[in-house]
Amino acid sequence: MEKYNLWCINATQDKDLIEELRNIKDDENAINDAFYRDLEFGTGGLRGVIGAGTNRMNVYTVAKASQGLANYILNNYKLEDRKIAVSYDSRIKSDLFAKTASSVFVANGIEVFIYKELMPTPCLSFAVRELKCAAGIMVTASHNPAKYNGYKVYGNDGCQITTEAAEEIYSEISNVDIFNGVKYADFDNAVNSGAIKYIDDSVYTNFIEEVKNQSVLFGEKIDKNVSIIYSPLNGTGLKPVLRALKESGFTNVTVVEEQRNPDGNFPTCSYPNPEIKEAMSLGIEYAKRYNADLLLATDPDCDRVGIAVKDVGGEFVLLTGNETGILLLDYICSRRIEYNRMPNNPVMVKTIVTIDMAKKIADKYGVKTIDVLTGFKFIGEQIGLLQENGAEDSYIFGFEESYGYLSGSYVRDKDAVNASLLICEMFAFYKSKGISLLDKLSEIYSEFGYCLNTLHSLEFEGESGFNKMQKIMQSFKEGLEAIANRKVIEILDYNKGLNGLPKSNVIKFILEGNSSVVVRPSGTEPKIKLYFSISAKNKETAIKIENECYEFMKDYIYG
């Protein structure tokens, strides 16, 4: 209540906050949820519900985080290196938060480069390295519902910040008084003086050229007049995805009109996540209406892409992130081998919750597999390590089950512009040979065995939910003997720093029958995520086993 009263007096910059604070004055639960903690700052930066309070995304929590980040830059970088890149997506207040952060950086003597319009996350990662910045921020909540926004922080390598950097920045943020400890400058005056610079169009063009350079056709001519439906899900993908496709020869592209323009309310899909069937449903309607060959949809900050393709009966089938990933991996490897373009000591990087079959495919082509913790920044870090050793070209592909892919080292985060182009190219290549993506997937399963990988999220809202999540994770560390009558043969606690990986609050249960269950609390949402990897003789059996395991875990967690 002390914090609430303090905000009622001082939070005067945004009329929406003033109104919300007034509306909740008699709602003890609402006040507690908004103020019971500070919005958590981690390796993913900030993410939370937009609104008034210390546990919300608003101009004050954004400014406080920006002051902490500014202090970190001042402490660690020379005067001439104090530069930061800024981008934002279509979400509610994203442009306001980007300008607020920029005004704080400038007030602290840091030169700011900001895109003149909303741009995808990979464009931010690219700009950080292209402009030799000390850091970057991307205002986005990725694929979360409309009530969320967030603030991703990037290091000078174009990767999301390391755990060590996050801890140092968090320490700086913690020492900032949210109302009296933040420096501000006037955004428009800073633009006029040149302290804030709009990022030149050449940077965006260079990004598109790098995306196009990822083609593995190597000059081979194929029919690119395949009918494609594309949806940016009211986010940032429209211009870069269409430009990359058009300049690469894919011109038969129809956009889902209701999802064409940026709109943070996401009026046609409450959860703008291409992993979810509901978000793809309007695109599938378009695909049927136009008798299209392929559906693509990118999330609001355009770092994830989902696809759907027709089966033999003419119905559209959604592919999982793992399925698209192994298709792309096999396609890239086979093309490189065919044209003698495989680098020395090639490397593929995936996360520990991504389909294990990827390693079998990589082994077939003589490609080394590196497993990293969940989060694409760990894949980006591996690219950086290869670069330090003069082996940057060894990296050929990286992916995670949550629809994130990257086939080049020009950015250090997942890139749905790159993935969209590669998917269209792969689709057209196989179609020219009379092979569908579903045919190719069946061929891969026939060679390496069927494996079902699924993800379920269990939600825990508010303070009580947050505390319950901690207790549940602790109970898992004490062990389970079996999951749905399947014996647990090994428990991997990644909080101990296994296999040289950083410590992480993740538990993996290895089950008999070459299957596994991974449990991890989300770093950005009030959820526990369950990843199931079930090997079986066929899809039907795998689905049955997966369902039994999920029901067991759900009952155990919700008790």
Protein backbone atom coordinates (compact mmCIF):
# COMPACT_ATOMS: atom_id res chain seq x y z
CA MET A 1 0.00 0.00 0.00
CA GLU A 2 2.93 2.32 0.64
CA LYS A 3 4.13 1.71 -2.92
CA TYR A 4 0.62 2.19 -4.26
CA ASN A 5 0.24 5.53 -2.49
CA LEU A 6 3.67 6.61 -3.71
CA TRP A 7 2.66 5.84 -7.28
CA CYS A 8 -0.62 7.73 -6.90
CA ILE A 9 1.44 10.83 -6.09
CA ASN A 10 4.30 10.42 -8.58
CA ALA A 11 3.07 8.41 -11.59
CA THR A 12 1.85 11.36 -13.64
CA GLN A 13 3.51 10.82 -17.05
CA ASP A 14 0.92 8.46 -18.52
CA LYS A 15 -2.80 9.19 -18.19
CA ASP A 16 -3.61 5.48 -18.52
CA LEU A 17 -1.64 4.79 -15.33
CA ILE A 18 -3.38 7.58 -13.45
CA GLU A 19 -6.76 6.15 -14.39
CA GLU A 20 -5.79 2.57 -13.51
CA LEU A 21 -4.41 3.56 -10.10
CA ARG A 22 -7.66 5.38 -9.37
CA ASN A 23 -9.75 2.39 -10.48
CA ILE A 24 -8.00 -0.16 -8.23
CA LYS A 25 -7.95 1.93 -5.03
CA ASP A 26 -10.52 -0.32 -3.33
CA ASP A 27 -9.26 -3.62 -4.79
CA GLU A 28 -6.72 -5.08 -2.37
CA ASN A 29 -5.93 -8.09 -4.56
CA ALA A 30 -5.29 -5.93 -7.63
CA ILE A 31 -3.01 -3.62 -5.66
CA ASN A 32 -1.10 -6.56 -4.20
CA ASP A 33 -0.59 -8.21 -7.60
CA ALA A 34 0.63 -4.94 -9.12
CA PHE A 35 3.04 -4.09 -6.29
CA TYR A 36 4.01 -7.29 -4.44
CA ARG A 37 7.35 -7.43 -6.28
CA ASP A 38 9.41 -5.64 -8.88
CA LEU A 39 9.02 -6.97 -12.40
CA GLU A 40 11.76 -9.58 -12.67
CA PHE A 41 14.79 -8.71 -14.79
CA GLY A 42 16.62 -11.73 -16.15
CA THR A 43 18.57 -12.86 -19.19
CA GLY A 44 15.43 -12.20 -21.24
CA GLY A 45 15.17 -8.68 -19.85
CA LEU A 46 11.69 -7.66 -18.70
CA ARG A 47 8.30 -9.07 -19.62
CA GLY A 48 4.96 -8.52 -17.98
CA VAL A 49 1.40 -7.26 -18.16
CA ILE A 50 1.06 -3.63 -19.27
CA GLY A 51 -0.25 -1.43 -16.48
CA ALA A 52 0.42 0.47 -13.26
CA GLY A 53 2.74 -0.92 -10.61
CA THR A 54 6.23 -2.24 -9.96
CA ASN A 55 5.18 -5.67 -11.29
CA ARG A 56 3.92 -4.23 -14.58
CA MET A 57 5.30 -2.94 -17.87
CA ASN A 58 4.96 0.84 -17.91
CA VAL A 59 7.06 3.95 -18.63
CA TYR A 60 8.47 3.92 -15.09
CA THR A 61 9.61 0.30 -14.96
CA VAL A 62 11.03 0.71 -18.49
CA ALA A 63 12.83 3.91 -17.48
CA LYS A 64 14.24 2.31 -14.33
CA ALA A 65 15.56 -0.66 -16.31
CA SER A 66 17.02 1.71 -18.88
CA GLN A 67 18.80 3.72 -16.19
CA GLY A 68 20.29 0.50 -14.82
CA LEU A 69 21.39 -0.56 -18.30
CA ALA A 70 22.85 2.92 -18.89
CA ASN A 71 24.85 2.65 -15.66
CA TYR A 72 26.15 -0.74 -16.80
CA ILE A 73 27.30 0.71 -20.12
CA LEU A 74 28.95 3.68 -18.41
CA ASN A 75 30.82 1.31 -16.08
CA ASN A 76 32.01 -1.07 -18.79
CA TYR A 77 32.55 0.88 -22.00
CA LYS A 78 34.80 3.73 -23.08
CA LEU A 79 33.22 7.02 -24.11
CA GLU A 80 33.56 6.35 -27.85
CA ASP A 81 31.92 2.91 -27.51
CA ARG A 82 28.83 4.07 -25.61
CA LYS A 83 26.26 3.42 -28.31
CA ILE A 84 22.98 1.52 -28.16
CA ALA A 85 20.51 0.30 -30.81
CA VAL A 86 16.76 0.37 -30.21
CA SER A 87 13.86 -1.33 -31.97
CA TYR A 88 10.24 -2.09 -31.15
CA ASP A 89 7.30 -4.12 -32.41
CA SER A 90 3.57 -3.52 -32.86
CA ARG A 91 2.50 -4.09 -29.28
CA ILE A 92 0.53 -1.62 -27.18
CA LYS A 93 2.86 1.20 -26.03
CA SER A 94 5.93 -0.35 -27.71
CA ASP A 95 6.78 2.93 -29.46
CA LEU A 96 6.29 4.87 -26.20
CA PHE A 97 8.54 2.48 -24.27
CA ALA A 98 11.21 2.64 -27.01
CA LYS A 99 11.21 6.45 -26.91
CA THR A 100 11.23 6.48 -23.09
CA ALA A 101 14.24 4.16 -22.99
CA SER A 102 16.02 6.22 -25.66
CA SER A 103 15.48 9.43 -23.72
CA VAL A 104 17.07 7.84 -20.64
CA PHE A 105 20.10 6.57 -22.57
CA VAL A 106 20.70 9.97 -24.15
CA ALA A 107 20.40 11.74 -20.81
CA ASN A 108 23.24 9.50 -19.62
CA GLY A 109 25.50 10.44 -22.53
CA ILE A 110 24.89 7.30 -24.61
CA GLU A 111 24.42 7.69 -28.35
CA VAL A 112 21.18 6.10 -29.53
CA PHE A 113 20.37 4.50 -32.89
CA ILE A 114 16.66 3.78 -33.28
CA TYR A 115 14.72 2.36 -36.22
CA LYS A 116 12.34 4.95 -37.69
CA GLU A 117 9.55 2.37 -37.76
CA LEU A 118 8.81 -0.92 -36.05
CA MET A 119 11.29 -3.68 -36.96
CA PRO A 120 11.73 -7.39 -36.09
CA THR A 121 13.97 -8.69 -33.34
CA PRO A 122 16.57 -10.07 -35.80
CA CYS A 123 16.91 -6.57 -37.31
CA LEU A 124 17.82 -5.30 -33.83
CA SER A 125 20.42 -8.04 -33.37
CA PHE A 126 21.85 -7.18 -36.79
CA ALA A 127 21.98 -3.43 -36.06
CA VAL A 128 23.88 -3.93 -32.79
CA ARG A 129 26.77 -5.58 -34.63
CA GLU A 130 26.50 -3.52 -37.83
CA LEU A 131 26.69 -0.23 -35.90
CA LYS A 132 29.21 -1.54 -33.35
CA CYS A 133 26.99 -0.79 -30.38
CA ALA A 134 27.68 -1.66 -26.75
CA ALA A 135 24.14 -2.97 -26.36
CA GLY A 136 20.68 -3.06 -27.85
CA ILE A 137 17.09 -3.25 -26.68
CA MET A 138 14.03 -4.70 -28.38
CA VAL A 139 10.65 -3.66 -27.00
CA THR A 140 8.47 -6.72 -27.47
CA ALA A 141 6.68 -9.51 -25.65
CA SER A 142 7.28 -11.82 -28.58
CA HIS A 143 4.27 -14.14 -28.99
CA ASN A 144 2.44 -13.38 -25.72
CA PRO A 145 -1.19 -12.16 -25.56
CA ALA A 146 -1.98 -8.50 -26.15
CA LYS A 147 -1.93 -7.50 -22.47
CA TYR A 148 1.84 -8.16 -22.32
CA ASN A 149 4.87 -6.19 -23.36
CA GLY A 150 8.57 -6.64 -22.71
CA TYR A 151 12.10 -5.36 -23.05
CA LYS A 152 14.84 -7.65 -24.38
CA VAL A 153 18.46 -6.60 -23.78
CA TYR A 154 21.28 -7.49 -26.17
CA GLY A 155 25.04 -7.39 -25.68
CA ASN A 156 27.61 -6.03 -28.12
CA ASP A 157 27.75 -9.44 -29.83
CA GLY A 158 24.11 -9.22 -30.92
CA CYS A 159 23.08 -11.96 -28.48
CA GLN A 160 20.66 -11.55 -25.64
CA ILE A 161 22.72 -10.77 -22.56
CA THR A 162 24.54 -13.46 -20.61
CA THR A 163 23.57 -14.53 -17.11
CA GLU A 164 26.59 -12.63 -15.72
CA ALA A 165 25.69 -9.41 -17.57
CA ALA A 166 22.04 -9.76 -16.50
CA GLU A 167 23.09 -10.04 -12.85
CA GLU A 168 25.28 -6.94 -13.10
CA ILE A 169 22.55 -4.95 -14.87
CA TYR A 170 19.97 -6.17 -12.35
CA SER A 171 22.20 -4.96 -9.53
CA GLU A 172 22.34 -1.53 -11.17
CA ILE A 173 18.57 -1.48 -11.69
CA SER A 174 17.97 -2.42 -8.05
CA ASN A 175 19.88 0.66 -6.90
CA VAL A 176 17.78 3.05 -9.01
CA ASP A 177 14.93 4.96 -7.35
CA ILE A 178 12.08 4.60 -9.81
CA PHE A 179 10.89 8.19 -9.47
CA ASN A 180 13.96 10.15 -8.37
CA GLY A 181 16.90 8.14 -9.70
CA VAL A 182 16.26 8.25 -13.45
CA LYS A 183 17.72 10.80 -15.87
CA TYR A 184 15.55 11.90 -18.76
CA ALA A 185 16.08 13.92 -21.94
CA ASP A 186 13.48 15.19 -24.39
CA PHE A 187 13.25 12.67 -27.23
CA ASP A 188 12.44 15.14 -30.01
CA ASN A 189 15.16 17.57 -28.95
CA ALA A 190 17.66 14.71 -28.86
CA VAL A 191 16.67 13.71 -32.40
CA ASN A 192 17.08 17.31 -33.59
CA SER A 193 20.50 17.58 -31.95
CA GLY A 194 21.69 14.26 -33.42
CA ALA A 195 22.14 12.55 -30.05
CA ILE A 196 19.40 10.15 -31.17
CA LYS A 197 19.88 9.00 -34.76
CA TYR A 198 17.44 7.09 -36.91
CA ILE A 199 19.05 3.93 -38.26
CA ASP A 200 19.95 4.38 -41.91
CA ASP A 201 17.98 2.36 -44.47
CA SER A 202 21.25 0.79 -45.63
CA VAL A 203 21.40 -1.23 -42.40
CA TYR A 204 18.00 -2.76 -43.15
CA THR A 205 19.01 -3.42 -46.76
CA ASN A 206 22.23 -5.11 -45.62
CA PHE A 207 20.15 -7.32 -43.33
CA ILE A 208 17.90 -8.39 -46.23
CA GLU A 209 20.98 -9.14 -48.38
CA GLU A 210 22.38 -11.38 -45.62
CA VAL A 211 19.06 -13.22 -45.43
CA LYS A 212 19.09 -13.81 -49.19
CA ASN A 213 22.67 -15.06 -48.98
CA GLN A 214 21.46 -18.00 -46.89
CA SER A 215 19.97 -19.73 -49.94
CA VAL A 216 21.30 -23.24 -50.49
CA LEU A 217 20.11 -23.53 -54.08
CA PHE A 218 23.62 -22.48 -55.16
CA GLY A 219 22.40 -21.25 -58.53
CA GLU A 220 20.09 -24.17 -59.29
CA LYS A 221 16.91 -23.05 -61.06
CA ILE A 222 13.56 -24.21 -59.67
CA ASP A 223 9.97 -23.09 -60.20
CA LYS A 224 9.33 -20.49 -57.52
CA ASN A 225 5.77 -19.73 -58.61
CA VAL A 226 4.34 -21.69 -55.70
CA SER A 227 1.21 -20.19 -54.14
CA ILE A 228 2.05 -18.90 -50.66
CA ILE A 229 -0.22 -17.43 -47.98
CA TYR A 230 1.60 -15.24 -45.46
CA SER A 231 0.46 -13.69 -42.19
CA PRO A 232 2.58 -11.36 -40.04
CA LEU A 233 -0.07 -11.77 -37.28
CA ASN A 234 -0.38 -7.96 -37.04
CA GLY A 235 3.31 -7.70 -36.18
CA THR A 236 6.61 -6.61 -37.73
CA GLY A 237 7.16 -9.25 -40.40
CA LEU A 238 5.20 -7.81 -43.33
CA LYS A 239 7.85 -5.64 -44.99
CA PRO A 240 11.02 -7.72 -44.42
CA VAL A 241 9.45 -11.11 -45.17
CA LEU A 242 7.73 -9.91 -48.35
CA ARG A 243 10.86 -8.09 -49.48
CA ALA A 244 13.13 -11.08 -48.92
CA LEU A 245 10.71 -13.40 -50.73
CA LYS A 246 10.12 -11.02 -53.65
CA GLU A 247 13.81 -10.29 -54.21
CA SER A 248 14.46 -14.06 -54.14
CA GLY A 249 11.85 -14.75 -56.82
CA PHE A 250 8.81 -15.72 -54.72
CA THR A 251 6.13 -13.33 -55.99
CA ASN A 252 2.96 -15.45 -55.78
CA VAL A 253 2.33 -14.42 -52.16
CA THR A 254 -1.08 -13.51 -50.71
CA VAL A 255 -1.21 -11.74 -47.35
CA VAL A 256 -3.93 -12.43 -44.78
CA GLU A 257 -5.54 -8.98 -44.91
CA GLU A 258 -7.04 -9.02 -41.42
CA GLN A 259 -3.55 -9.67 -40.02
CA ARG A 260 -1.56 -7.48 -42.43
CA ASN A 261 -1.16 -4.21 -40.54
CA PRO A 262 0.53 -3.71 -37.14
CA ASP A 263 -2.04 -3.88 -34.33
CA GLY A 264 -1.10 -4.59 -30.72
CA ASN A 265 -4.65 -5.67 -29.90
CA PHE A 266 -4.30 -8.68 -32.23
CA PRO A 267 -8.04 -8.59 -33.04
CA THR A 268 -8.20 -11.90 -34.93
CA CYS A 269 -6.13 -14.05 -32.56
CA SER A 270 -5.91 -13.45 -28.83
CA TYR A 271 -2.62 -15.35 -28.65
CA PRO A 272 -0.46 -14.32 -31.67
CA ASN A 273 1.75 -17.38 -31.55
CA PRO A 274 2.28 -19.48 -34.69
CA GLU A 275 2.76 -22.50 -32.43
CA ILE A 276 -0.96 -22.37 -31.67
CA LYS A 277 -3.64 -23.66 -34.06
CA GLU A 278 -6.03 -20.78 -33.33
CA ALA A 279 -3.45 -18.22 -34.48
CA MET A 280 -3.09 -20.11 -37.79
CA SER A 281 -6.80 -20.71 -38.43
CA LEU A 282 -7.48 -17.57 -40.46
CA GLY A 283 -4.41 -18.26 -42.58
CA ILE A 284 -5.65 -21.79 -43.23
CA GLU A 285 -8.99 -20.35 -44.39
CA TYR A 286 -7.08 -18.18 -46.86
CA ALA A 287 -4.98 -21.13 -48.00
CA LYS A 288 -8.11 -23.14 -48.77
CA ARG A 289 -9.81 -20.17 -50.46
CA TYR A 290 -6.85 -19.47 -52.74
CA ASN A 291 -5.90 -23.14 -53.22
CA ALA A 292 -2.44 -22.26 -51.93
CA ASP A 293 0.48 -24.62 -51.52
CA LEU A 294 1.96 -23.27 -48.29
CA LEU A 295 0.98 -21.15 -45.29
CA LEU A 296 3.53 -19.10 -43.34
CA ALA A 297 2.89 -17.05 -40.20
CA THR A 298 5.41 -15.09 -38.16
CA ASP A 299 4.93 -13.91 -34.58
CA PRO A 300 4.72 -10.17 -33.71
CA ASP A 301 8.48 -9.57 -33.42
CA CYS A 302 9.15 -11.91 -36.38
CA ASP A 303 11.65 -14.24 -34.77
CA ARG A 304 9.41 -17.34 -34.97
CA VAL A 305 7.60 -18.84 -37.93
CA GLY A 306 4.96 -21.56 -38.20
CA ILE A 307 3.84 -23.35 -41.35
CA ALA A 308 1.01 -25.48 -42.70
CA VAL A 309 1.01 -27.70 -45.80
CA LYS A 310 -1.60 -29.75 -47.66
CA ASP A 311 -1.92 -33.48 -47.12
CA VAL A 312 -3.04 -35.98 -49.77
CA GLY A 313 -6.68 -35.24 -48.94
CA GLY A 314 -6.25 -31.53 -49.50
CA GLU A 315 -6.47 -30.63 -45.81
CA PHE A 316 -3.87 -28.32 -44.27
CA VAL A 317 -1.60 -29.83 -41.64
CA LEU A 318 0.34 -27.72 -39.16
CA LEU A 319 3.96 -28.77 -38.69
CA THR A 320 5.57 -28.54 -35.27
CA GLY A 321 8.70 -26.54 -34.65
CA ASN A 322 10.67 -29.76 -34.37
CA GLU A 323 9.30 -31.11 -37.65
CA THR A 324 10.12 -27.92 -39.55
CA GLY A 325 13.53 -27.89 -37.89
CA ILE A 326 14.53 -31.40 -38.93
CA LEU A 327 13.22 -30.76 -42.45
CA LEU A 328 15.37 -27.62 -42.73
CA LEU A 329 18.38 -29.35 -41.21
CA ASP A 330 18.17 -32.25 -43.65
CA TYR A 331 17.57 -29.88 -46.59
CA ILE A 332 20.53 -27.61 -45.74
CA CYS A 333 22.89 -30.53 -45.15
CA SER A 334 21.90 -32.43 -48.27
CA ARG A 335 22.20 -29.34 -50.48
CA ARG A 336 25.61 -28.43 -49.07
CA ILE A 337 26.86 -31.97 -49.57
CA GLU A 338 25.53 -32.13 -53.13
CA TYR A 339 27.27 -28.89 -54.13
CA ASN A 340 30.40 -29.47 -52.05
CA ARG A 341 29.58 -26.44 -49.89
CA MET A 342 29.87 -28.10 -46.49
CA PRO A 343 32.47 -26.25 -44.40
CA ASN A 344 35.28 -27.96 -42.54
CA ASN A 345 34.07 -29.33 -39.20
CA PRO A 346 30.42 -28.26 -39.67
CA VAL A 347 28.33 -27.55 -36.57
CA MET A 348 24.61 -27.64 -35.79
CA VAL A 349 23.34 -26.22 -32.48
CA LYS A 350 20.07 -27.08 -30.73
CA THR A 351 18.58 -26.75 -27.26
CA ILE A 352 18.22 -29.58 -24.74
CA VAL A 353 14.42 -29.63 -25.23
CA THR A 354 14.66 -29.85 -29.03
CA ILE A 355 14.07 -33.16 -30.80
CA ASP A 356 16.95 -35.60 -30.27
CA MET A 357 16.49 -36.95 -33.80
CA ALA A 358 18.29 -33.81 -35.03
CA LYS A 359 21.55 -35.30 -33.82
CA LYS A 360 20.95 -38.49 -35.83
CA ILE A 361 20.37 -36.42 -38.97
CA ALA A 362 23.46 -34.32 -38.29
CA ASP A 363 25.54 -37.45 -37.71
CA LYS A 364 24.46 -38.80 -41.10
CA TYR A 365 25.99 -35.78 -42.82
CA GLY A 366 29.09 -35.59 -40.65
CA VAL A 367 27.87 -32.52 -38.76
CA LYS A 368 28.72 -32.03 -35.08
CA THR A 369 25.77 -31.38 -32.73
CA ILE A 370 26.09 -28.98 -29.81
CA ASP A 371 23.34 -29.03 -27.17
CA VAL A 372 22.66 -25.86 -25.19
CA LEU A 373 20.19 -24.66 -22.58
CA THR A 374 16.72 -23.50 -23.57
CA GLY A 375 16.81 -20.07 -25.19
CA PHE A 376 18.17 -19.05 -28.56
CA LYS A 377 20.74 -16.77 -26.98
CA PHE A 378 22.72 -19.87 -26.06
CA ILE A 379 22.80 -20.82 -29.75
CA GLY A 380 23.99 -17.28 -30.50
CA GLU A 381 26.73 -17.65 -27.90
CA GLN A 382 28.00 -20.78 -29.64
CA ILE A 383 28.25 -18.87 -32.92
CA GLY A 384 30.27 -16.24 -31.06
CA LEU A 385 32.61 -18.90 -29.65
CA LEU A 386 33.14 -20.31 -33.14
CA GLN A 387 33.93 -16.80 -34.36
CA GLU A 388 36.51 -16.31 -31.59
CA ASN A 389 38.22 -19.50 -32.78
CA GLY A 390 38.19 -18.42 -36.42
CA ALA A 391 35.55 -21.03 -37.27
CA GLU A 392 32.42 -18.89 -37.71
CA ASP A 393 31.74 -20.49 -41.11
CA SER A 394 31.47 -23.91 -39.44
CA TYR A 395 28.02 -22.97 -38.16
CA ILE A 396 25.38 -24.14 -40.65
CA PHE A 397 22.13 -24.24 -38.66
CA GLY A 398 20.58 -23.83 -35.25
CA PHE A 399 17.03 -24.35 -34.06
CA GLU A 400 14.75 -24.81 -31.08
CA GLU A 401 11.43 -26.58 -30.74
CA SER A 402 9.60 -23.28 -30.22
CA TYR A 403 9.69 -22.39 -33.94
CA GLY A 404 13.02 -20.54 -33.91
CA TYR A 405 15.60 -21.10 -36.69
CA LEU A 406 18.80 -19.52 -37.99
CA SER A 407 21.09 -20.67 -40.79
CA GLY A 408 23.71 -17.89 -40.79
CA SER A 409 25.92 -15.98 -38.38
CA TYR A 410 24.88 -12.47 -39.49
CA VAL A 411 22.55 -12.23 -36.46
CA ARG A 412 22.77 -13.96 -33.10
CA ASP A 413 19.09 -14.62 -32.45
CA LYS A 414 16.43 -16.63 -34.22
CA ASP A 415 15.28 -15.06 -37.47
CA ALA A 416 11.87 -15.72 -39.02
CA VAL A 417 12.77 -13.68 -42.12
CA ASN A 418 15.63 -16.09 -42.81
CA ALA A 419 13.48 -19.11 -41.91
CA SER A 420 10.53 -17.98 -44.05
CA LEU A 421 12.74 -17.69 -47.12
CA LEU A 422 14.41 -21.05 -46.48
CA ILE A 423 11.06 -22.77 -45.94
CA CYS A 424 9.66 -21.40 -49.21
CA GLU A 425 12.83 -22.41 -51.04
CA MET A 426 12.77 -25.90 -49.51
CA PHE A 427 9.08 -26.31 -50.32
CA ALA A 428 9.56 -25.24 -53.96
CA PHE A 429 12.66 -27.40 -54.35
CA TYR A 430 10.90 -30.56 -53.22
CA LYS A 431 7.72 -29.72 -55.15
CA SER A 432 9.77 -29.48 -58.33
CA LYS A 433 10.72 -33.11 -57.68
CA GLY A 434 7.15 -34.18 -56.94
CA ILE A 435 7.78 -34.47 -53.19
CA SER A 436 5.67 -32.78 -50.51
CA LEU A 437 7.07 -31.72 -47.15
CA LEU A 438 4.90 -34.38 -45.53
CA ASP A 439 6.41 -36.97 -47.88
CA LYS A 440 9.88 -35.82 -46.90
CA LEU A 441 9.01 -35.90 -43.21
CA SER A 442 7.71 -39.47 -43.54
CA GLU A 443 10.96 -40.41 -45.27
CA ILE A 444 12.97 -38.98 -42.36
CA TYR A 445 10.83 -40.84 -39.80
CA SER A 446 11.21 -44.06 -41.78
CA GLU A 447 14.98 -43.68 -41.70
CA PHE A 448 15.44 -42.62 -38.06
CA GLY A 449 12.30 -43.89 -36.25
CA TYR A 450 9.18 -42.05 -35.12
CA CYS A 451 9.54 -39.50 -32.34
CA LEU A 452 6.72 -37.35 -30.94
CA ASN A 453 7.74 -34.09 -29.28
CA THR A 454 5.14 -31.94 -27.54
CA LEU A 455 5.00 -28.96 -25.21
CA HIS A 456 2.38 -28.24 -22.54
CA SER A 457 2.25 -25.15 -20.33
CA LEU A 458 0.61 -25.03 -16.90
CA GLU A 459 -0.20 -21.52 -15.64
CA PHE A 460 0.37 -20.07 -12.15
CA GLU A 461 -0.87 -16.48 -11.90
CA GLY A 462 -0.07 -13.98 -9.15
CA GLU A 463 2.04 -14.16 -6.01
CA SER A 464 0.59 -17.47 -4.79
CA GLY A 465 1.19 -19.04 -8.19
CA PHE A 466 4.79 -17.81 -8.29
CA ASN A 467 5.48 -19.35 -4.87
CA LYS A 468 3.81 -22.63 -5.84
CA MET A 469 6.02 -22.93 -8.93
CA GLN A 470 9.12 -22.76 -6.74
CA LYS A 471 7.82 -25.56 -4.48
CA ILE A 472 6.91 -27.76 -7.43
CA MET A 473 10.37 -27.47 -8.97
CA GLN A 474 11.92 -28.36 -5.62
CA SER A 475 9.72 -31.46 -5.34
CA PHE A 476 10.87 -32.64 -8.77
CA LYS A 477 14.49 -32.39 -7.68
CA GLU A 478 13.70 -34.90 -4.95
CA GLY A 479 12.89 -37.34 -7.75
CA LEU A 480 10.23 -39.52 -9.32
CA GLU A 481 10.57 -43.28 -9.68
CA ALA A 482 8.19 -43.50 -12.63
CA ILE A 483 6.01 -41.36 -14.91
CA ALA A 484 2.77 -43.02 -16.02
CA ASN A 485 4.20 -46.46 -15.17
CA ARG A 486 7.32 -45.81 -17.22
CA LYS A 487 10.44 -46.20 -15.16
CA VAL A 488 12.66 -43.14 -14.68
CA ILE A 489 16.18 -44.39 -15.40
CA GLU A 490 18.00 -41.08 -14.91
CA ILE A 491 17.28 -37.60 -13.54
CA LEU A 492 19.28 -34.66 -14.92
CA ASP A 493 19.25 -31.58 -12.72
CA TYR A 494 20.65 -28.74 -14.84
CA ASN A 495 20.81 -26.50 -11.78
CA LYS A 496 24.05 -28.36 -11.05
CA GLY A 497 25.66 -27.13 -14.29
CA LEU A 498 25.66 -30.40 -16.23
CA ASN A 499 27.87 -31.05 -19.26
CA GLY A 500 29.63 -27.72 -18.94
CA LEU A 501 26.37 -25.79 -19.33
CA PRO A 502 25.49 -22.84 -17.09
CA LYS A 503 23.26 -23.65 -14.13
CA SER A 504 19.59 -23.56 -15.04
CA ASN A 505 16.37 -24.41 -13.22
CA VAL A 506 15.55 -27.37 -15.49
CA ILE A 507 14.88 -31.03 -14.68
CA LYS A 508 15.02 -33.79 -17.30
CA PHE A 509 13.64 -37.26 -16.63
CA ILE A 510 15.06 -39.98 -18.88
CA LEU A 511 12.47 -42.73 -19.25
CA GLU A 512 12.76 -46.32 -20.38
CA GLY A 513 12.04 -46.73 -24.08
CA ASN A 514 14.27 -43.86 -25.25
CA SER A 515 11.83 -41.17 -24.11
CA SER A 516 12.11 -38.16 -21.82
CA VAL A 517 10.21 -35.42 -19.98
CA VAL A 518 11.72 -31.99 -19.34
CA VAL A 519 10.29 -29.61 -16.73
CA ARG A 520 11.22 -25.92 -16.60
CA PRO A 521 9.57 -22.74 -15.33
CA SER A 522 9.26 -20.14 -18.07
CA GLY A 523 11.69 -17.24 -17.71
CA THR A 524 9.18 -14.78 -19.13
CA GLU A 525 5.69 -16.02 -18.17
CA PRO A 526 3.97 -17.42 -15.04
CA LYS A 527 4.09 -20.96 -16.39
CA ILE A 528 5.72 -24.33 -15.88
CA LYS A 529 6.56 -25.88 -19.24
CA LEU A 530 6.55 -29.63 -19.87
CA TYR A 531 8.43 -31.02 -22.87
CA PHE A 532 7.69 -34.61 -23.86
CA SER A 533 9.87 -36.61 -26.25
CA ILE A 534 8.28 -39.99 -26.91
CA SER A 535 9.83 -42.63 -29.17
CA ALA A 536 7.52 -45.38 -30.36
CA LYS A 537 6.92 -47.76 -33.24
CA ASN A 538 4.33 -45.42 -34.78
CA LYS A 539 2.53 -42.10 -34.29
CA GLU A 540 -0.61 -43.59 -32.74
CA THR A 541 1.34 -45.39 -30.01
CA ALA A 542 3.45 -42.32 -29.33
CA ILE A 543 0.33 -40.15 -28.92
CA LYS A 544 -1.16 -42.63 -26.45
CA ILE A 545 2.03 -42.75 -24.35
CA GLU A 546 2.42 -38.97 -24.45
CA ASN A 547 -1.14 -38.44 -23.27
CA GLU A 548 -0.65 -40.82 -20.34
CA CYS A 549 2.59 -39.08 -19.34
CA TYR A 550 1.03 -35.62 -19.60
CA GLU A 551 -1.99 -36.57 -17.49
CA PHE A 552 0.34 -38.02 -14.84
CA MET A 553 2.48 -34.86 -14.75
CA LYS A 554 -0.53 -32.54 -14.68
CA ASP A 555 -2.09 -34.45 -11.78
CA TYR A 556 1.23 -34.43 -9.93
CA ILE A 557 1.74 -30.68 -10.40
CA TYR A 558 -1.79 -29.50 -9.67
CA GLY A 559 -2.10 -32.12 -6.97
